[in-house]
Amino acid sequence: MSGRPVEDQDSRCFTLSSFPFRVGRRSGLSLSLPRNTVSGRHAEFFEIDQKLFIRDLASTNGTFVNGNRLTGQGELHDGDVVQFADVPFRLSRSLSQGLFLGKPLPATHYLQSPACTDHESAAK
């Protein structure tokens, strides 16, 4: 997954490597987004039968998938845009992107911002 966790920084890619993968404003989570619009514990990714899901953790400003506010949990697919309050990320499940961390990671999920489209920009 990639996005800009801090507004004035470049987009970065994040590997969803262990589950549950929790996202929120608090430090110590799998992905910390230091923005006032993001709840302390905002949402979490998890897997069931090798399928990726997301669950909103009763966040104040909502979790969105492709522009639709998530209620409960939902299954995710390659190319989906996941937004935590006003912070968007694009989900990618791609063998070519498995190389950006220096080793191939087939069947690994990545979150990326809409601007982060390849492994070269992910290395920033």
PDB file of N, CA and C in Angstrom:
ATOM      1  N   MET A   1       0.864  -1.154   0.000  1.00  0.00           N
ATOM      2  CA  MET A   1       0.000   0.000   0.000  1.00  0.00           C
ATOM      3  C   MET A   1       0.900   1.201   0.000  1.00  0.00           C
ATOM      4  N   SER A   2       0.495   2.246  -0.639  1.00  0.00           N
ATOM      5  CA  SER A   2       1.301   3.447  -0.568  1.00  0.00           C
ATOM      6  C   SER A   2       0.428   4.660  -0.381  1.00  0.00           C
ATOM      7  N   GLY A   3       1.033   5.658   0.157  1.00  0.00           N
ATOM      8  CA  GLY A   3       0.338   6.906   0.404  1.00  0.00           C
ATOM      9  C   GLY A   3       1.264   7.854   1.116  1.00  0.00           C
ATOM     10  N   ARG A   4       0.724   9.003   1.506  1.00  0.00           N
ATOM     11  CA  ARG A   4       1.505  10.005   2.215  1.00  0.00           C
ATOM     12  C   ARG A   4       1.055  10.032   3.666  1.00  0.00           C
ATOM     13  N   PRO A   5       1.757   9.331   4.541  1.00  0.00           N
ATOM     14  CA  PRO A   5       1.354   9.325   5.941  1.00  0.00           C
ATOM     15  C   PRO A   5       1.462  10.703   6.583  1.00  0.00           C
ATOM     16  N   VAL A   6       2.383  11.522   6.081  1.00  0.00           N
ATOM     17  CA  VAL A   6       2.524  12.897   6.548  1.00  0.00           C
ATOM     18  C   VAL A   6       2.304  13.787   5.334  1.00  0.00           C
ATOM     19  N   GLU A   7       1.440  14.787   5.463  1.00  0.00           N
ATOM     20  CA  GLU A   7       0.990  15.578   4.317  1.00  0.00           C
ATOM     21  C   GLU A   7       2.101  16.154   3.450  1.00  0.00           C
ATOM     22  N   ASP A   8       3.166  16.660   4.031  1.00  0.00           N
ATOM     23  CA  ASP A   8       4.192  17.342   3.243  1.00  0.00           C
ATOM     24  C   ASP A   8       5.333  16.422   2.818  1.00  0.00           C
ATOM     25  N   GLN A   9       5.146  15.104   2.895  1.00  0.00           N
ATOM     26  CA  GLN A   9       6.167  14.151   2.470  1.00  0.00           C
ATOM     27  C   GLN A   9       5.742  13.451   1.192  1.00  0.00           C
ATOM     28  N   ASP A  10       6.723  12.843   0.505  1.00  0.00           N
ATOM     29  CA  ASP A  10       6.431  12.081  -0.707  1.00  0.00           C
ATOM     30  C   ASP A  10       5.646  10.815  -0.367  1.00  0.00           C
ATOM     31  N   SER A  11       5.002  10.267  -1.393  1.00  0.00           N
ATOM     32  CA  SER A  11       4.283   9.015  -1.229  1.00  0.00           C
ATOM     33  C   SER A  11       5.254   7.882  -0.924  1.00  0.00           C
ATOM     34  N   ARG A  12       4.801   6.933  -0.128  1.00  0.00           N
ATOM     35  CA  ARG A  12       5.595   5.759   0.216  1.00  0.00           C
ATOM     36  C   ARG A  12       4.731   4.526   0.080  1.00  0.00           C
ATOM     37  N   CYS A  13       5.363   3.399  -0.177  1.00  0.00           N
ATOM     38  CA  CYS A  13       4.652   2.124  -0.259  1.00  0.00           C
ATOM     39  C   CYS A  13       4.877   1.341   1.024  1.00  0.00           C
ATOM     40  N   PHE A  14       3.850   0.634   1.440  1.00  0.00           N
ATOM     41  CA  PHE A  14       3.893  -0.136   2.670  1.00  0.00           C
ATOM     42  C   PHE A  14       3.458  -1.563   2.372  1.00  0.00           C
ATOM     43  N   THR A  15       4.178  -2.523   2.881  1.00  0.00           N
ATOM     44  CA  THR A  15       3.842  -3.929   2.697  1.00  0.00           C
ATOM     45  C   THR A  15       2.927  -4.388   3.821  1.00  0.00           C
ATOM     46  N   LEU A  16       1.853  -5.021   3.447  1.00  0.00           N
ATOM     47  CA  LEU A  16       0.968  -5.630   4.442  1.00  0.00           C
ATOM     48  C   LEU A  16       1.497  -7.041   4.674  1.00  0.00           C
ATOM     49  N   SER A  17       2.395  -7.171   5.635  1.00  0.00           N
ATOM     50  CA  SER A  17       3.124  -8.426   5.775  1.00  0.00           C
ATOM     51  C   SER A  17       2.671  -9.291   6.936  1.00  0.00           C
ATOM     52  N   SER A  18       2.070  -8.709   7.937  1.00  0.00           N
ATOM     53  CA  SER A  18       1.592  -9.513   9.060  1.00  0.00           C
ATOM     54  C   SER A  18       0.216  -8.992   9.468  1.00  0.00           C
ATOM     55  N   PHE A  19      -0.614  -9.912   9.902  1.00  0.00           N
ATOM     56  CA  PHE A  19      -2.000  -9.561  10.198  1.00  0.00           C
ATOM     57  C   PHE A  19      -2.352  -9.911  11.632  1.00  0.00           C
ATOM     58  N   PRO A  20      -3.220  -9.160  12.272  1.00  0.00           N
ATOM     59  CA  PRO A  20      -3.886  -7.999  11.707  1.00  0.00           C
ATOM     60  C   PRO A  20      -2.911  -6.837  11.516  1.00  0.00           C
ATOM     61  N   PHE A  21      -3.099  -6.076  10.453  1.00  0.00           N
ATOM     62  CA  PHE A  21      -2.290  -4.902  10.122  1.00  0.00           C
ATOM     63  C   PHE A  21      -3.146  -3.702  10.499  1.00  0.00           C
ATOM     64  N   ARG A  22      -2.784  -3.055  11.605  1.00  0.00           N
ATOM     65  CA  ARG A  22      -3.617  -1.965  12.148  1.00  0.00           C
ATOM     66  C   ARG A  22      -3.095  -0.600  11.706  1.00  0.00           C
ATOM     67  N   VAL A  23      -4.058   0.268  11.412  1.00  0.00           N
ATOM     68  CA  VAL A  23      -3.774   1.628  10.930  1.00  0.00           C
ATOM     69  C   VAL A  23      -4.470   2.615  11.855  1.00  0.00           C
ATOM     70  N   GLY A  24      -3.767   3.690  12.189  1.00  0.00           N
ATOM     71  CA  GLY A  24      -4.367   4.732  13.018  1.00  0.00           C
ATOM     72  C   GLY A  24      -3.353   5.806  13.348  1.00  0.00           C
ATOM     73  N   ARG A  25      -3.767   6.742  14.188  1.00  0.00           N
ATOM     74  CA  ARG A  25      -2.908   7.867  14.563  1.00  0.00           C
ATOM     75  C   ARG A  25      -1.894   7.479  15.644  1.00  0.00           C
ATOM     76  N   ARG A  26      -2.193   6.477  16.435  1.00  0.00           N
ATOM     77  CA  ARG A  26      -1.306   6.072  17.538  1.00  0.00           C
ATOM     78  C   ARG A  26       0.025   5.534  17.022  1.00  0.00           C
ATOM     79  N   SER A  27       1.071   5.790  17.771  1.00  0.00           N
ATOM     80  CA  SER A  27       2.356   5.171  17.446  1.00  0.00           C
ATOM     81  C   SER A  27       2.291   3.710  17.868  1.00  0.00           C
ATOM     82  N   GLY A  28       3.143   2.901  17.293  1.00  0.00           N
ATOM     83  CA  GLY A  28       3.184   1.489  17.636  1.00  0.00           C
ATOM     84  C   GLY A  28       2.252   0.618  16.815  1.00  0.00           C
ATOM     85  N   LEU A  29       1.439   1.210  15.951  1.00  0.00           N
ATOM     86  CA  LEU A  29       0.580   0.424  15.064  1.00  0.00           C
ATOM     87  C   LEU A  29       1.369   0.008  13.835  1.00  0.00           C
ATOM     88  N   SER A  30       0.828  -0.887  13.049  1.00  0.00           N
ATOM     89  CA  SER A  30       1.503  -1.316  11.818  1.00  0.00           C
ATOM     90  C   SER A  30       1.764  -0.132  10.896  1.00  0.00           C
ATOM     91  N   LEU A  31       0.817   0.800  10.817  1.00  0.00           N
ATOM     92  CA  LEU A  31       0.975   2.038  10.051  1.00  0.00           C
ATOM     93  C   LEU A  31       0.387   3.173  10.857  1.00  0.00           C
ATOM     94  N   SER A  32       1.251   4.113  11.228  1.00  0.00           N
ATOM     95  CA  SER A  32       0.823   5.284  11.988  1.00  0.00           C
ATOM     96  C   SER A  32       0.660   6.468  11.044  1.00  0.00           C
ATOM     97  N   LEU A  33      -0.522   7.074  11.067  1.00  0.00           N
ATOM     98  CA  LEU A  33      -0.827   8.239  10.232  1.00  0.00           C
ATOM     99  C   LEU A  33      -1.044   9.431  11.157  1.00  0.00           C
ATOM    100  N   PRO A  34      -0.028  10.274  11.318  1.00  0.00           N
ATOM    101  CA  PRO A  34      -0.121  11.380  12.271  1.00  0.00           C
ATOM    102  C   PRO A  34      -0.970  12.541  11.731  1.00  0.00           C
ATOM    103  N   ARG A  35      -2.253  12.286  11.587  1.00  0.00           N
ATOM    104  CA  ARG A  35      -3.191  13.304  11.102  1.00  0.00           C
ATOM    105  C   ARG A  35      -4.372  13.379  12.055  1.00  0.00           C
ATOM    106  N   ASN A  36      -4.836  14.589  12.310  1.00  0.00           N
ATOM    107  CA  ASN A  36      -5.945  14.780  13.249  1.00  0.00           C
ATOM    108  C   ASN A  36      -7.239  14.133  12.789  1.00  0.00           C
ATOM    109  N   THR A  37      -7.411  13.937  11.502  1.00  0.00           N
ATOM    110  CA  THR A  37      -8.641  13.353  10.975  1.00  0.00           C
ATOM    111  C   THR A  37      -8.690  11.833  11.156  1.00  0.00           C
ATOM    112  N   VAL A  38      -7.544  11.218  11.426  1.00  0.00           N
ATOM    113  CA  VAL A  38      -7.449   9.765  11.582  1.00  0.00           C
ATOM    114  C   VAL A  38      -7.592   9.421  13.066  1.00  0.00           C
ATOM    115  N   SER A  39      -8.416   8.426  13.362  1.00  0.00           N
ATOM    116  CA  SER A  39      -8.620   8.004  14.751  1.00  0.00           C
ATOM    117  C   SER A  39      -7.387   7.275  15.283  1.00  0.00           C
ATOM    118  N   GLY A  40      -7.285   7.209  16.616  1.00  0.00           N
ATOM    119  CA  GLY A  40      -6.142   6.542  17.241  1.00  0.00           C
ATOM    120  C   GLY A  40      -5.968   5.118  16.740  1.00  0.00           C
ATOM    121  N   ARG A  41      -7.024   4.351  16.767  1.00  0.00           N
ATOM    122  CA  ARG A  41      -7.076   3.007  16.150  1.00  0.00           C
ATOM    123  C   ARG A  41      -8.184   3.087  15.117  1.00  0.00           C
ATOM    124  N   HIS A  42      -7.831   3.251  13.867  1.00  0.00           N
ATOM    125  CA  HIS A  42      -8.792   3.592  12.821  1.00  0.00           C
ATOM    126  C   HIS A  42      -9.379   2.353  12.128  1.00  0.00           C
ATOM    127  N   ALA A  43      -8.509   1.474  11.632  1.00  0.00           N
ATOM    128  CA  ALA A  43      -8.968   0.310  10.865  1.00  0.00           C
ATOM    129  C   ALA A  43      -7.901  -0.771  10.926  1.00  0.00           C
ATOM    130  N   GLU A  44      -8.285  -1.971  10.470  1.00  0.00           N
ATOM    131  CA  GLU A  44      -7.308  -3.044  10.408  1.00  0.00           C
ATOM    132  C   GLU A  44      -7.571  -3.927   9.198  1.00  0.00           C
ATOM    133  N   PHE A  45      -6.470  -4.400   8.616  1.00  0.00           N
ATOM    134  CA  PHE A  45      -6.511  -5.371   7.528  1.00  0.00           C
ATOM    135  C   PHE A  45      -6.337  -6.750   8.148  1.00  0.00           C
ATOM    136  N   PHE A  46      -7.011  -7.742   7.562  1.00  0.00           N
ATOM    137  CA  PHE A  46      -6.836  -9.119   8.015  1.00  0.00           C
ATOM    138  C   PHE A  46      -7.113 -10.048   6.841  1.00  0.00           C
ATOM    139  N   GLU A  47      -6.669 -11.293   6.993  1.00  0.00           N
ATOM    140  CA  GLU A  47      -6.848 -12.290   5.938  1.00  0.00           C
ATOM    141  C   GLU A  47      -7.720 -13.440   6.419  1.00  0.00           C
ATOM    142  N   ILE A  48      -8.531 -13.933   5.492  1.00  0.00           N
ATOM    143  CA  ILE A  48      -9.283 -15.160   5.702  1.00  0.00           C
ATOM    144  C   ILE A  48      -9.169 -15.969   4.411  1.00  0.00           C
ATOM    145  N   ASP A  49      -8.670 -17.182   4.502  1.00  0.00           N
ATOM    146  CA  ASP A  49      -8.506 -18.048   3.330  1.00  0.00           C
ATOM    147  C   ASP A  49      -7.771 -17.345   2.188  1.00  0.00           C
ATOM    148  N   GLN A  50      -6.704 -16.659   2.517  1.00  0.00           N
ATOM    149  CA  GLN A  50      -5.842 -15.938   1.571  1.00  0.00           C
ATOM    150  C   GLN A  50      -6.563 -14.810   0.833  1.00  0.00           C
ATOM    151  N   LYS A  51      -7.670 -14.339   1.383  1.00  0.00           N
ATOM    152  CA  LYS A  51      -8.359 -13.161   0.856  1.00  0.00           C
ATOM    153  C   LYS A  51      -8.154 -12.024   1.842  1.00  0.00           C
ATOM    154  N   LEU A  52      -7.998 -10.813   1.321  1.00  0.00           N
ATOM    155  CA  LEU A  52      -7.722  -9.653   2.161  1.00  0.00           C
ATOM    156  C   LEU A  52      -9.019  -8.925   2.485  1.00  0.00           C
ATOM    157  N   PHE A  53      -9.168  -8.564   3.769  1.00  0.00           N
ATOM    158  CA  PHE A  53     -10.336  -7.825   4.245  1.00  0.00           C
ATOM    159  C   PHE A  53      -9.878  -6.613   5.031  1.00  0.00           C
ATOM    160  N   ILE A  54     -10.784  -5.655   5.186  1.00  0.00           N
ATOM    161  CA  ILE A  54     -10.539  -4.500   6.038  1.00  0.00           C
ATOM    162  C   ILE A  54     -11.745  -4.321   6.953  1.00  0.00           C
ATOM    163  N   ARG A  55     -11.460  -3.857   8.161  1.00  0.00           N
ATOM    164  CA  ARG A  55     -12.504  -3.619   9.153  1.00  0.00           C
ATOM    165  C   ARG A  55     -12.284  -2.230   9.743  1.00  0.00           C
ATOM    166  N   ASP A  56     -13.335  -1.436   9.790  1.00  0.00           N
ATOM    167  CA  ASP A  56     -13.268  -0.139  10.464  1.00  0.00           C
ATOM    168  C   ASP A  56     -13.399  -0.391  11.965  1.00  0.00           C
ATOM    169  N   LEU A  57     -12.568   0.289  12.746  1.00  0.00           N
ATOM    170  CA  LEU A  57     -12.552   0.084  14.197  1.00  0.00           C
ATOM    171  C   LEU A  57     -13.302   1.214  14.904  1.00  0.00           C
ATOM    172  N   ALA A  58     -14.522   1.494  14.435  1.00  0.00           N
ATOM    173  CA  ALA A  58     -15.375   2.551  15.000  1.00  0.00           C
ATOM    174  C   ALA A  58     -14.687   3.915  14.934  1.00  0.00           C
ATOM    175  N   SER A  59     -14.034   4.179  13.807  1.00  0.00           N
ATOM    176  CA  SER A  59     -13.346   5.464  13.625  1.00  0.00           C
ATOM    177  C   SER A  59     -14.360   6.606  13.541  1.00  0.00           C
ATOM    178  N   THR A  60     -13.903   7.792  13.895  1.00  0.00           N
ATOM    179  CA  THR A  60     -14.773   8.966  13.864  1.00  0.00           C
ATOM    180  C   THR A  60     -15.094   9.401  12.441  1.00  0.00           C
ATOM    181  N   ASN A  61     -14.089   9.466  11.582  1.00  0.00           N
ATOM    182  CA  ASN A  61     -14.271  10.007  10.240  1.00  0.00           C
ATOM    183  C   ASN A  61     -14.376   8.948   9.143  1.00  0.00           C
ATOM    184  N   GLY A  62     -14.425   7.696   9.521  1.00  0.00           N
ATOM    185  CA  GLY A  62     -14.728   6.637   8.580  1.00  0.00           C
ATOM    186  C   GLY A  62     -13.563   6.083   7.786  1.00  0.00           C
ATOM    187  N   THR A  63     -13.784   4.873   7.306  1.00  0.00           N
ATOM    188  CA  THR A  63     -12.895   4.184   6.378  1.00  0.00           C
ATOM    189  C   THR A  63     -13.712   3.968   5.110  1.00  0.00           C
ATOM    190  N   PHE A  64     -13.113   4.248   3.958  1.00  0.00           N
ATOM    191  CA  PHE A  64     -13.810   4.185   2.681  1.00  0.00           C
ATOM    192  C   PHE A  64     -13.096   3.231   1.738  1.00  0.00           C
ATOM    193  N   VAL A  65     -13.853   2.502   0.944  1.00  0.00           N
ATOM    194  CA  VAL A  65     -13.308   1.637  -0.099  1.00  0.00           C
ATOM    195  C   VAL A  65     -13.939   2.081  -1.409  1.00  0.00           C
ATOM    196  N   ASN A  66     -13.096   2.560  -2.317  1.00  0.00           N
ATOM    197  CA  ASN A  66     -13.557   3.064  -3.613  1.00  0.00           C
ATOM    198  C   ASN A  66     -14.648   4.120  -3.451  1.00  0.00           C
ATOM    199  N   GLY A  67     -14.483   4.979  -2.442  1.00  0.00           N
ATOM    200  CA  GLY A  67     -15.401   6.088  -2.225  1.00  0.00           C
ATOM    201  C   GLY A  67     -16.627   5.764  -1.396  1.00  0.00           C
ATOM    202  N   ASN A  68     -16.830   4.502  -1.032  1.00  0.00           N
ATOM    203  CA  ASN A  68     -17.992   4.097  -0.239  1.00  0.00           C
ATOM    204  C   ASN A  68     -17.589   3.866   1.206  1.00  0.00           C
ATOM    205  N   ARG A  69     -18.325   4.496   2.120  1.00  0.00           N
ATOM    206  CA  ARG A  69     -18.004   4.324   3.535  1.00  0.00           C
ATOM    207  C   ARG A  69     -18.235   2.879   3.956  1.00  0.00           C
ATOM    208  N   LEU A  70     -17.239   2.327   4.620  1.00  0.00           N
ATOM    209  CA  LEU A  70     -17.278   0.943   5.067  1.00  0.00           C
ATOM    210  C   LEU A  70     -18.098   0.845   6.352  1.00  0.00           C
ATOM    211  N   THR A  71     -18.996  -0.098   6.377  1.00  0.00           N
ATOM    212  CA  THR A  71     -19.700  -0.418   7.619  1.00  0.00           C
ATOM    213  C   THR A  71     -19.353  -1.870   7.934  1.00  0.00           C
ATOM    214  N   GLY A  72     -18.794  -2.083   9.081  1.00  0.00           N
ATOM    215  CA  GLY A  72     -18.345  -3.432   9.429  1.00  0.00           C
ATOM    216  C   GLY A  72     -17.043  -3.754   8.736  1.00  0.00           C
ATOM    217  N   GLN A  73     -17.051  -4.781   7.911  1.00  0.00           N
ATOM    218  CA  GLN A  73     -15.842  -5.195   7.215  1.00  0.00           C
ATOM    219  C   GLN A  73     -16.173  -5.468   5.760  1.00  0.00           C
ATOM    220  N   GLY A  74     -15.129  -5.477   4.931  1.00  0.00           N
ATOM    221  CA  GLY A  74     -15.332  -5.757   3.523  1.00  0.00           C
ATOM    222  C   GLY A  74     -14.107  -6.384   2.902  1.00  0.00           C
ATOM    223  N   GLU A  75     -14.331  -7.181   1.860  1.00  0.00           N
ATOM    224  CA  GLU A  75     -13.237  -7.803   1.130  1.00  0.00           C
ATOM    225  C   GLU A  75     -12.611  -6.782   0.194  1.00  0.00           C
ATOM    226  N   LEU A  76     -11.285  -6.859   0.038  1.00  0.00           N
ATOM    227  CA  LEU A  76     -10.555  -5.947  -0.836  1.00  0.00           C
ATOM    228  C   LEU A  76     -10.007  -6.688  -2.045  1.00  0.00           C
ATOM    229  N   HIS A  77      -9.807  -5.925  -3.121  1.00  0.00           N
ATOM    230  CA  HIS A  77      -9.288  -6.479  -4.366  1.00  0.00           C
ATOM    231  C   HIS A  77      -8.190  -5.578  -4.914  1.00  0.00           C
ATOM    232  N   ASP A  78      -7.390  -6.140  -5.790  1.00  0.00           N
ATOM    233  CA  ASP A  78      -6.314  -5.397  -6.434  1.00  0.00           C
ATOM    234  C   ASP A  78      -6.863  -4.120  -7.067  1.00  0.00           C
ATOM    235  N   GLY A  79      -6.201  -2.997  -6.802  1.00  0.00           N
ATOM    236  CA  GLY A  79      -6.590  -1.718  -7.385  1.00  0.00           C
ATOM    237  C   GLY A  79      -7.583  -0.925  -6.567  1.00  0.00           C
ATOM    238  N   ASP A  80      -8.125  -1.508  -5.500  1.00  0.00           N
ATOM    239  CA  ASP A  80      -9.066  -0.768  -4.662  1.00  0.00           C
ATOM    240  C   ASP A  80      -8.379   0.431  -4.018  1.00  0.00           C
ATOM    241  N   VAL A  81      -9.135   1.507  -3.855  1.00  0.00           N
ATOM    242  CA  VAL A  81      -8.648   2.682  -3.125  1.00  0.00           C
ATOM    243  C   VAL A  81      -9.256   2.627  -1.732  1.00  0.00           C
ATOM    244  N   VAL A  82      -8.383   2.568  -0.728  1.00  0.00           N
ATOM    245  CA  VAL A  82      -8.793   2.537   0.667  1.00  0.00           C
ATOM    246  C   VAL A  82      -8.443   3.891   1.268  1.00  0.00           C
ATOM    247  N   GLN A  83      -9.408   4.507   1.937  1.00  0.00           N
ATOM    248  CA  GLN A  83      -9.191   5.847   2.492  1.00  0.00           C
ATOM    249  C   GLN A  83      -9.511   5.825   3.980  1.00  0.00           C
ATOM    250  N   PHE A  84      -8.545   6.279   4.772  1.00  0.00           N
ATOM    251  CA  PHE A  84      -8.715   6.407   6.212  1.00  0.00           C
ATOM    252  C   PHE A  84      -9.007   7.876   6.477  1.00  0.00           C
ATOM    253  N   ALA A  85     -10.259   8.215   6.778  1.00  0.00           N
ATOM    254  CA  ALA A  85     -10.718   9.609   6.868  1.00  0.00           C
ATOM    255  C   ALA A  85     -10.431  10.286   5.526  1.00  0.00           C
ATOM    256  N   ASP A  86      -9.444  11.179   5.478  1.00  0.00           N
ATOM    257  CA  ASP A  86      -9.123  11.879   4.225  1.00  0.00           C
ATOM    258  C   ASP A  86      -7.769  11.472   3.655  1.00  0.00           C
ATOM    259  N   VAL A  87      -7.268  10.286   4.043  1.00  0.00           N
ATOM    260  CA  VAL A  87      -5.943   9.828   3.617  1.00  0.00           C
ATOM    261  C   VAL A  87      -6.101   8.597   2.711  1.00  0.00           C
ATOM    262  N   PRO A  88      -5.942   8.773   1.369  1.00  0.00           N
ATOM    263  CA  PRO A  88      -6.165   7.649   0.448  1.00  0.00           C
ATOM    264  C   PRO A  88      -4.909   6.819   0.200  1.00  0.00           C
ATOM    265  N   PHE A  89      -5.133   5.539  -0.014  1.00  0.00           N
ATOM    266  CA  PHE A  89      -4.101   4.587  -0.406  1.00  0.00           C
ATOM    267  C   PHE A  89      -4.689   3.679  -1.474  1.00  0.00           C
ATOM    268  N   ARG A  90      -3.828   3.182  -2.367  1.00  0.00           N
ATOM    269  CA  ARG A  90      -4.281   2.206  -3.363  1.00  0.00           C
ATOM    270  C   ARG A  90      -3.685   0.846  -3.016  1.00  0.00           C
ATOM    271  N   LEU A  91      -4.525  -0.160  -3.098  1.00  0.00           N
ATOM    272  CA  LEU A  91      -4.095  -1.519  -2.812  1.00  0.00           C
ATOM    273  C   LEU A  91      -3.587  -2.151  -4.094  1.00  0.00           C
ATOM    274  N   SER A  92      -2.439  -2.797  -3.999  1.00  0.00           N
ATOM    275  CA  SER A  92      -1.872  -3.475  -5.156  1.00  0.00           C
ATOM    276  C   SER A  92      -1.409  -4.847  -4.737  1.00  0.00           C
ATOM    277  N   ARG A  93      -1.730  -5.827  -5.536  1.00  0.00           N
ATOM    278  CA  ARG A  93      -1.224  -7.183  -5.299  1.00  0.00           C
ATOM    279  C   ARG A  93      -0.533  -7.581  -6.584  1.00  0.00           C
ATOM    280  N   SER A  94       0.783  -7.371  -6.619  1.00  0.00           N
ATOM    281  CA  SER A  94       1.513  -7.508  -7.867  1.00  0.00           C
ATOM    282  C   SER A  94       2.867  -8.150  -7.626  1.00  0.00           C
ATOM    283  N   LEU A  95       3.212  -9.119  -8.459  1.00  0.00           N
ATOM    284  CA  LEU A  95       4.526  -9.750  -8.348  1.00  0.00           C
ATOM    285  C   LEU A  95       5.641  -8.754  -8.610  1.00  0.00           C
ATOM    286  N   SER A  96       5.453  -7.851  -9.578  1.00  0.00           N
ATOM    287  CA  SER A  96       6.519  -6.898  -9.893  1.00  0.00           C
ATOM    288  C   SER A  96       6.802  -5.981  -8.713  1.00  0.00           C
ATOM    289  N   GLN A  97       5.778  -5.637  -7.930  1.00  0.00           N
ATOM    290  CA  GLN A  97       6.004  -4.758  -6.792  1.00  0.00           C
ATOM    291  C   GLN A  97       6.606  -5.495  -5.613  1.00  0.00           C
ATOM    292  N   GLY A  98       6.661  -6.827  -5.695  1.00  0.00           N
ATOM    293  CA  GLY A  98       7.265  -7.588  -4.617  1.00  0.00           C
ATOM    294  C   GLY A  98       8.758  -7.395  -4.525  1.00  0.00           C
ATOM    295  N   LEU A  99       9.347  -6.711  -5.475  1.00  0.00           N
ATOM    296  CA  LEU A  99      10.793  -6.523  -5.478  1.00  0.00           C
ATOM    297  C   LEU A  99      11.243  -5.254  -4.770  1.00  0.00           C
ATOM    298  N   PHE A 100      10.334  -4.348  -4.426  1.00  0.00           N
ATOM    299  CA  PHE A 100      10.789  -3.063  -3.915  1.00  0.00           C
ATOM    300  C   PHE A 100      11.425  -3.133  -2.543  1.00  0.00           C
ATOM    301  N   LEU A 101      11.200  -4.218  -1.802  1.00  0.00           N
ATOM    302  CA  LEU A 101      11.870  -4.360  -0.517  1.00  0.00           C
ATOM    303  C   LEU A 101      13.135  -5.193  -0.629  1.00  0.00           C
ATOM    304  N   GLY A 102      13.547  -5.530  -1.851  1.00  0.00           N
ATOM    305  CA  GLY A 102      14.791  -6.246  -2.068  1.00  0.00           C
ATOM    306  C   GLY A 102      14.628  -7.744  -2.205  1.00  0.00           C
ATOM    307  N   LYS A 103      13.416  -8.265  -2.089  1.00  0.00           N
ATOM    308  CA  LYS A 103      13.194  -9.697  -2.275  1.00  0.00           C
ATOM    309  C   LYS A 103      11.801  -9.896  -2.855  1.00  0.00           C
ATOM    310  N   PRO A 104      11.612 -10.924  -3.645  1.00  0.00           N
ATOM    311  CA  PRO A 104      10.292 -11.158  -4.215  1.00  0.00           C
ATOM    312  C   PRO A 104       9.314 -11.605  -3.138  1.00  0.00           C
ATOM    313  N   LEU A 105       8.122 -11.055  -3.154  1.00  0.00           N
ATOM    314  CA  LEU A 105       7.103 -11.411  -2.184  1.00  0.00           C
ATOM    315  C   LEU A 105       5.798 -11.718  -2.918  1.00  0.00           C
ATOM    316  N   PRO A 106       5.719 -12.850  -3.614  1.00  0.00           N
ATOM    317  CA  PRO A 106       4.479 -13.154  -4.315  1.00  0.00           C
ATOM    318  C   PRO A 106       3.328 -13.306  -3.328  1.00  0.00           C
ATOM    319  N   ALA A 107       2.154 -12.933  -3.759  1.00  0.00           N
ATOM    320  CA  ALA A 107       0.941 -13.020  -2.942  1.00  0.00           C
ATOM    321  C   ALA A 107       1.016 -12.132  -1.709  1.00  0.00           C
ATOM    322  N   THR A 108       1.802 -11.072  -1.768  1.00  0.00           N
ATOM    323  CA  THR A 108       1.847 -10.098  -0.692  1.00  0.00           C
ATOM    324  C   THR A 108       1.066  -8.878  -1.149  1.00  0.00           C
ATOM    325  N   HIS A 109       0.363  -8.269  -0.238  1.00  0.00           N
ATOM    326  CA  HIS A 109      -0.434  -7.089  -0.552  1.00  0.00           C
ATOM    327  C   HIS A 109       0.375  -5.832  -0.275  1.00  0.00           C
ATOM    328  N   TYR A 110       0.143  -4.812  -1.065  1.00  0.00           N
ATOM    329  CA  TYR A 110       0.804  -3.529  -0.880  1.00  0.00           C
ATOM    330  C   TYR A 110      -0.247  -2.446  -0.891  1.00  0.00           C
ATOM    331  N   LEU A 111      -0.073  -1.454  -0.065  1.00  0.00           N
ATOM    332  CA  LEU A 111      -0.913  -0.267  -0.129  1.00  0.00           C
ATOM    333  C   LEU A 111      -0.063   0.830  -0.706  1.00  0.00           C
ATOM    334  N   GLN A 112      -0.595   1.545  -1.650  1.00  0.00           N
ATOM    335  CA  GLN A 112       0.156   2.625  -2.271  1.00  0.00           C
ATOM    336  C   GLN A 112      -0.761   3.797  -2.528  1.00  0.00           C
ATOM    337  N   SER A 113      -0.174   4.981  -2.515  1.00  0.00           N
ATOM    338  CA  SER A 113      -0.972   6.153  -2.853  1.00  0.00           C
ATOM    339  C   SER A 113      -1.213   6.132  -4.339  1.00  0.00           C
ATOM    340  N   PRO A 114      -2.235   6.810  -4.815  1.00  0.00           N
ATOM    341  CA  PRO A 114      -2.468   6.840  -6.256  1.00  0.00           C
ATOM    342  C   PRO A 114      -1.255   7.332  -7.043  1.00  0.00           C
ATOM    343  N   ALA A 115      -0.379   8.120  -6.431  1.00  0.00           N
ATOM    344  CA  ALA A 115       0.793   8.645  -7.137  1.00  0.00           C
ATOM    345  C   ALA A 115       1.959   7.671  -7.153  1.00  0.00           C
ATOM    346  N   CYS A 116       1.947   6.656  -6.330  1.00  0.00           N
ATOM    347  CA  CYS A 116       3.046   5.702  -6.209  1.00  0.00           C
ATOM    348  C   CYS A 116       2.707   4.477  -7.036  1.00  0.00           C
ATOM    349  N   THR A 117       3.263   4.357  -8.236  1.00  0.00           N
ATOM    350  CA  THR A 117       2.793   3.310  -9.139  1.00  0.00           C
ATOM    351  C   THR A 117       3.835   2.249  -9.464  1.00  0.00           C
ATOM    352  N   ASP A 118       5.080   2.391  -9.030  1.00  0.00           N
ATOM    353  CA  ASP A 118       6.047   1.342  -9.326  1.00  0.00           C
ATOM    354  C   ASP A 118       7.040   1.213  -8.197  1.00  0.00           C
ATOM    355  N   HIS A 119       7.887   0.183  -8.278  1.00  0.00           N
ATOM    356  CA  HIS A 119       8.808  -0.071  -7.163  1.00  0.00           C
ATOM    357  C   HIS A 119       9.882   0.986  -7.036  1.00  0.00           C
ATOM    358  N   GLU A 120      10.213   1.717  -8.107  1.00  0.00           N
ATOM    359  CA  GLU A 120      11.196   2.783  -7.971  1.00  0.00           C
ATOM    360  C   GLU A 120      10.651   3.897  -7.094  1.00  0.00           C
ATOM    361  N   SER A 121       9.389   4.300  -7.297  1.00  0.00           N
ATOM    362  CA  SER A 121       8.839   5.352  -6.458  1.00  0.00           C
ATOM    363  C   SER A 121       8.573   4.839  -5.061  1.00  0.00           C
ATOM    364  N   ALA A 122       8.395   3.529  -4.904  1.00  0.00           N
ATOM    365  CA  ALA A 122       8.167   2.956  -3.580  1.00  0.00           C
ATOM    366  C   ALA A 122       9.420   3.021  -2.725  1.00  0.00           C
ATOM    367  N   ALA A 123      10.574   3.069  -3.340  1.00  0.00           N
ATOM    368  CA  ALA A 123      11.825   3.077  -2.573  1.00  0.00           C
ATOM    369  C   ALA A 123      12.128   4.435  -1.970  1.00  0.00           C
ATOM    370  N   LYS A 124      11.370   5.449  -2.304  1.00  0.00           N
ATOM    371  CA  LYS A 124      11.631   6.798  -1.766  1.00  0.00           C
ATOM    372  C   LYS A 124      11.399   6.863  -0.287  1.00  0.00           C
TER     373      LYS A 124
END
